C-alpha atoms as a PDB file:
ATOM      1  CA  MET A   1     -15.986  -4.395 -16.979  1.00  0.00           C
ATOM      2  CA  PRO A   2     -15.100  -7.410 -14.976  1.00  0.00           C
ATOM      3  CA  ILE A   3     -11.481  -6.981 -12.913  1.00  0.00           C
ATOM      4  CA  ASP A   4      -9.074  -9.895 -13.297  1.00  0.00           C
ATOM      5  CA  THR A   5      -8.614 -12.062 -10.221  1.00  0.00           C
ATOM      6  CA  HIS A   6      -4.888 -11.046  -9.893  1.00  0.00           C
ATOM      7  CA  VAL A   7      -5.839  -6.980  -9.906  1.00  0.00           C
ATOM      8  CA  ARG A   8      -8.498  -7.364  -7.210  1.00  0.00           C
ATOM      9  CA  ILE A   9      -5.659  -9.609  -5.088  1.00  0.00           C
ATOM     10  CA  ALA A  10      -3.367  -6.493  -5.683  1.00  0.00           C
ATOM     11  CA  ALA A  11      -5.749  -4.119  -4.557  1.00  0.00           C
ATOM     12  CA  TRP A  12      -7.048  -6.235  -1.447  1.00  0.00           C
ATOM     13  CA  LEU A  13      -3.328  -6.554  -0.453  1.00  0.00           C
ATOM     14  CA  ASN A  14      -2.796  -2.470  -0.924  1.00  0.00           C
ATOM     15  CA  ILE A  15      -6.038  -1.972   1.179  1.00  0.00           C
ATOM     16  CA  VAL A  16      -5.212  -4.471   3.807  1.00  0.00           C
ATOM     17  CA  LEU A  17      -1.886  -3.862   4.220  1.00  0.00           C
ATOM     18  CA  GLY A  18      -2.163   0.187   3.984  1.00  0.00           C
ATOM     19  CA  THR A  19      -4.566  -0.414   6.902  1.00  0.00           C
ATOM     20  CA  LEU A  20      -2.374  -2.144   9.112  1.00  0.00           C
ATOM     21  CA  ALA A  21       0.541   0.034   8.439  1.00  0.00           C
ATOM     22  CA  ALA A  22      -1.663   3.019   9.115  1.00  0.00           C
ATOM     23  CA  CYS A  23      -2.645   1.457  12.672  1.00  0.00           C
ATOM     24  CA  VAL A  24       1.115   0.837  13.518  1.00  0.00           C
ATOM     25  CA  VAL A  25       1.825   4.377  12.641  1.00  0.00           C
ATOM     26  CA  VAL A  26      -1.246   5.673  14.866  1.00  0.00           C
ATOM     27  CA  LEU A  27      -0.241   3.446  17.723  1.00  0.00           C
ATOM     28  CA  PHE A  28       3.579   4.373  17.404  1.00  0.00           C
ATOM     29  CA  GLY A  29       2.763   7.934  17.456  1.00  0.00           C
ATOM     30  CA  SER A  30      -0.059   7.634  20.496  1.00  0.00           C
ATOM     31  CA  VAL A  31       2.691   5.656  22.581  1.00  0.00           C
ATOM     32  CA  PHE A  32       5.512   7.926  21.982  1.00  0.00           C
ATOM     33  CA  GLY A  33       3.641  11.156  22.588  1.00  0.00           C
ATOM     34  CA  VAL A  34       2.049   9.745  25.553  1.00  0.00           C
ATOM     35  CA  SER A  35       5.210   8.495  27.145  1.00  0.00           C
ATOM     36  CA  TYR A  36       7.152  11.539  26.180  1.00  0.00           C
ATOM     37  CA  THR A  37       4.726  13.622  28.117  1.00  0.00           C
ATOM     38  CA  ALA A  38       4.715  11.500  31.238  1.00  0.00           C
ATOM     39  CA  ALA A  39       8.543  11.310  31.320  1.00  0.00           C
ATOM     40  CA  ILE A  40       8.655  15.380  30.737  1.00  0.00           C
ATOM     41  CA  GLN A  41       6.195  15.762  33.677  1.00  0.00           C
ATOM     42  CA  GLN A  42       7.796  13.225  35.996  1.00  0.00           C
ATOM     43  CA  SER A  43      11.374  14.464  35.411  1.00  0.00           C
ATOM     44  CA  GLY A  44      10.501  18.296  35.537  1.00  0.00           C
ATOM     45  CA  LEU A  45      13.231  18.685  33.028  1.00  0.00           C
ATOM     46  CA  PRO A  46      12.941  20.694  30.085  1.00  0.00           C
ATOM     47  CA  GLY A  47      11.206  18.820  27.083  1.00  0.00           C
ATOM     48  CA  ALA A  48      12.399  18.352  23.954  1.00  0.00           C
ATOM     49  CA  PRO A  49      12.398  21.934  21.390  1.00  0.00           C
ATOM     50  CA  GLY A  50       9.856  22.776  19.390  1.00  0.00           C
ATOM     51  CA  TRP A  51      11.364  22.145  16.272  1.00  0.00           C
ATOM     52  CA  ALA A  52      11.644  18.295  17.380  1.00  0.00           C
ATOM     53  CA  ILE A  53       8.339  17.975  18.327  1.00  0.00           C
ATOM     54  CA  GLY A  54       7.123  19.458  14.905  1.00  0.00           C
ATOM     55  CA  LEU A  55       9.259  17.417  12.967  1.00  0.00           C
ATOM     56  CA  PHE A  56       7.913  13.825  14.333  1.00  0.00           C
ATOM     57  CA  THR A  57       4.687  15.457  14.027  1.00  0.00           C
ATOM     58  CA  ALA A  58       4.932  15.977  10.461  1.00  0.00           C
ATOM     59  CA  PHE A  59       6.503  12.593   9.735  1.00  0.00           C
ATOM     60  CA  ILE A  60       3.446  11.048  11.381  1.00  0.00           C
ATOM     61  CA  ILE A  61       1.312  13.027   9.275  1.00  0.00           C
ATOM     62  CA  TYR A  62       3.435  12.589   6.252  1.00  0.00           C
ATOM     63  CA  PHE A  63       3.042   8.675   6.601  1.00  0.00           C
ATOM     64  CA  LEU A  64      -0.490   8.896   7.152  1.00  0.00           C
ATOM     65  CA  ALA A  65      -1.128  10.510   3.745  1.00  0.00           C
ATOM     66  CA  TYR A  66       0.884   8.383   2.045  1.00  0.00           C
ATOM     67  CA  LEU A  67      -0.851   5.430   3.450  1.00  0.00           C
ATOM     68  CA  ALA A  68      -3.938   7.257   2.943  1.00  0.00           C
ATOM     69  CA  LEU A  69      -3.209   7.417  -0.936  1.00  0.00           C
ATOM     70  CA  ALA A  70      -2.185   3.457  -1.231  1.00  0.00           C
ATOM     71  CA  ILE A  71      -5.555   2.229   0.295  1.00  0.00           C
ATOM     72  CA  LEU A  72      -7.420   5.110  -1.868  1.00  0.00           C
ATOM     73  CA  GLY A  73      -5.566   3.151  -4.855  1.00  0.00           C
ATOM     74  CA  GLY A  74      -6.741   0.074  -3.942  1.00  0.00           C
ATOM     75  CA  VAL A  75     -10.143   0.931  -3.315  1.00  0.00           C
ATOM     76  CA  LEU A  76     -10.465   2.647  -6.687  1.00  0.00           C
ATOM     77  CA  LEU A  77      -8.502  -0.097  -8.343  1.00  0.00           C
ATOM     78  CA  LEU A  78     -11.703  -2.705  -7.056  1.00  0.00           C
ATOM     79  CA  ARG A  79     -14.075  -0.104  -8.360  1.00  0.00           C
ATOM     80  CA  GLY A  80     -12.206  -0.240 -11.951  1.00  0.00           C
ATOM     81  CA  LYS A  81     -11.214   3.187 -12.308  1.00  0.00           C
ATOM     82  CA  PRO A  82      -7.896   4.182 -14.245  1.00  0.00           C
ATOM     83  CA  ALA A  83      -6.530   6.540 -11.748  1.00  0.00           C
ATOM     84  CA  GLY A  84      -6.641   3.147  -9.221  1.00  0.00           C
ATOM     85  CA  ARG A  85      -4.475   1.759 -11.837  1.00  0.00           C
ATOM     86  CA  VAL A  86      -1.628   4.598 -11.776  1.00  0.00           C
ATOM     87  CA  ILE A  87      -1.814   4.828  -8.000  1.00  0.00           C
ATOM     88  CA  THR A  88      -0.980   1.538  -7.270  1.00  0.00           C
ATOM     89  CA  ILE A  89       1.421   1.199 -10.156  1.00  0.00           C
ATOM     90  CA  ILE A  90       3.213   4.066  -8.629  1.00  0.00           C
ATOM     91  CA  PHE A  91       2.760   2.746  -4.968  1.00  0.00           C
ATOM     92  CA  SER A  92       4.201  -0.543  -6.139  1.00  0.00           C
ATOM     93  CA  VAL A  93       7.263   0.784  -7.484  1.00  0.00           C
ATOM     94  CA  LEU A  94       7.960   2.705  -4.246  1.00  0.00           C
ATOM     95  CA  SER A  95       7.534  -0.390  -2.097  1.00  0.00           C
ATOM     96  CA  LEU A  96       9.906  -2.009  -4.228  1.00  0.00           C
ATOM     97  CA  VAL A  97      12.714  -1.097  -1.734  1.00  0.00           C
ATOM     98  CA  ASN A  98      10.836  -2.431   1.611  1.00  0.00           C
ATOM     99  CA  PHE A  99      12.599  -5.745   1.448  1.00  0.00           C
ATOM    100  CA  PRO A 100      11.803  -8.365   1.548  1.00  0.00           C
ATOM    101  CA  VAL A 101       7.904  -7.904   2.213  1.00  0.00           C
ATOM    102  CA  GLY A 102       7.404  -4.716   0.095  1.00  0.00           C
ATOM    103  CA  THR A 103       9.649  -5.995  -2.693  1.00  0.00           C
ATOM    104  CA  LEU A 104       7.277  -9.298  -2.977  1.00  0.00           C
ATOM    105  CA  LEU A 105       4.201  -7.112  -2.621  1.00  0.00           C
ATOM    106  CA  GLY A 106       5.387  -4.501  -5.236  1.00  0.00           C
ATOM    107  CA  GLY A 107       6.614  -6.974  -7.667  1.00  0.00           C
ATOM    108  CA  TYR A 108       3.242  -9.105  -7.446  1.00  0.00           C
ATOM    109  CA  CYS A 109       1.350  -5.908  -8.176  1.00  0.00           C
ATOM    110  CA  LEU A 110       3.456  -4.621 -10.880  1.00  0.00           C
ATOM    111  CA  TRP A 111       3.403  -8.055 -12.440  1.00  0.00           C
ATOM    112  CA  ALA A 112      -0.762  -7.856 -11.725  1.00  0.00           C
ATOM    113  CA  LEU A 113      -1.357  -4.593 -13.167  1.00  0.00           C
ATOM    114  CA  LEU A 114       1.117  -4.585 -16.182  1.00  0.00           C
ATOM    115  CA  ARG A 115       0.712  -7.755 -17.779  1.00  0.00           C
ATOM    116  CA  THR A 116      -1.167  -8.094 -20.773  1.00  0.00           C
ATOM    117  CA  GLY A 117      -2.094 -11.028 -23.219  1.00  0.00           C
ATOM    118  CA  PRO A 118      -1.034 -11.204 -26.687  1.00  0.00           C
ATOM    119  CA  ILE A 119      -2.859  -8.587 -29.125  1.00  0.00           C
ATOM    120  CA  GLY A 120      -6.132 -10.079 -30.862  1.00  0.00           C
ATOM    121  CA  SER A 121      -6.002 -13.339 -28.559  1.00  0.00           C
ATOM    122  CA  VAL A 122      -9.265 -15.475 -28.707  1.00  0.00           C
ATOM    123  CA  SER A 123      -9.373 -18.034 -26.819  1.00  0.00           C
ATOM    124  CA  VAL A 124     -10.124 -20.884 -28.807  1.00  0.00           C
ATOM    125  CA  GLN A 125     -11.395 -24.582 -27.935  1.00  0.00           C
ATOM    126  CA  VAL A 126      -9.525 -27.608 -29.609  1.00  0.00           C
ATOM    127  CA  ASN A 127     -11.013 -30.659 -29.841  1.00  0.00           C
ATOM    128  CA  VAL A 128      -8.578 -33.445 -31.107  1.00  0.00           C
ATOM    129  CA  VAL A 129     -10.296 -36.456 -32.888  1.00  0.00           C
ATOM    130  CA  ARG A 130      -8.320 -39.402 -32.848  1.00  0.00           C
ATOM    131  CA  ASN A 131      -9.187 -42.048 -35.744  1.00  0.00           C
ATOM    132  CA  SER A 132      -9.066 -45.462 -34.293  1.00  0.00           C
END
C-alpha cells in the first residue's frame, strides 16, 4: 500500500523531533546529574533527599519512554501499519498544547492522518475541445 506524501512527512517529523527531544532529555539528565554530584562532593554538605533524586530519575525515564513511543509510532507509520497511525494520532493530539511548535506539528500530523477524499472518488481527466 503506497503511503501518501503528507503521511510520510508526518512520520519523519515524529521520528526526527522525537529523536532530538530524547537527545535533549539525555543531555539535560547527564549535565544535571554530573553537576549535582560534583557540587555535593565539593561542598561537603548533605545531598538532596533520596526521594528527590528518585523523582528526577522517574521524570527522565517517563520522558524517554514517551519519546520512544513517539518515534515508534513514526516508524510504524512509515511501514504502513495501522498501529503507527493510531499512535501518531494520539501523540499529535497530545502535542497540540505545546505552543507554538507542538501546535503546528500536531495540527499538521492530524490533518495529514485524518483527511480523506470523497467516497468513491475517481480521478478523471477531462479534455475540452473548442470549436473554432
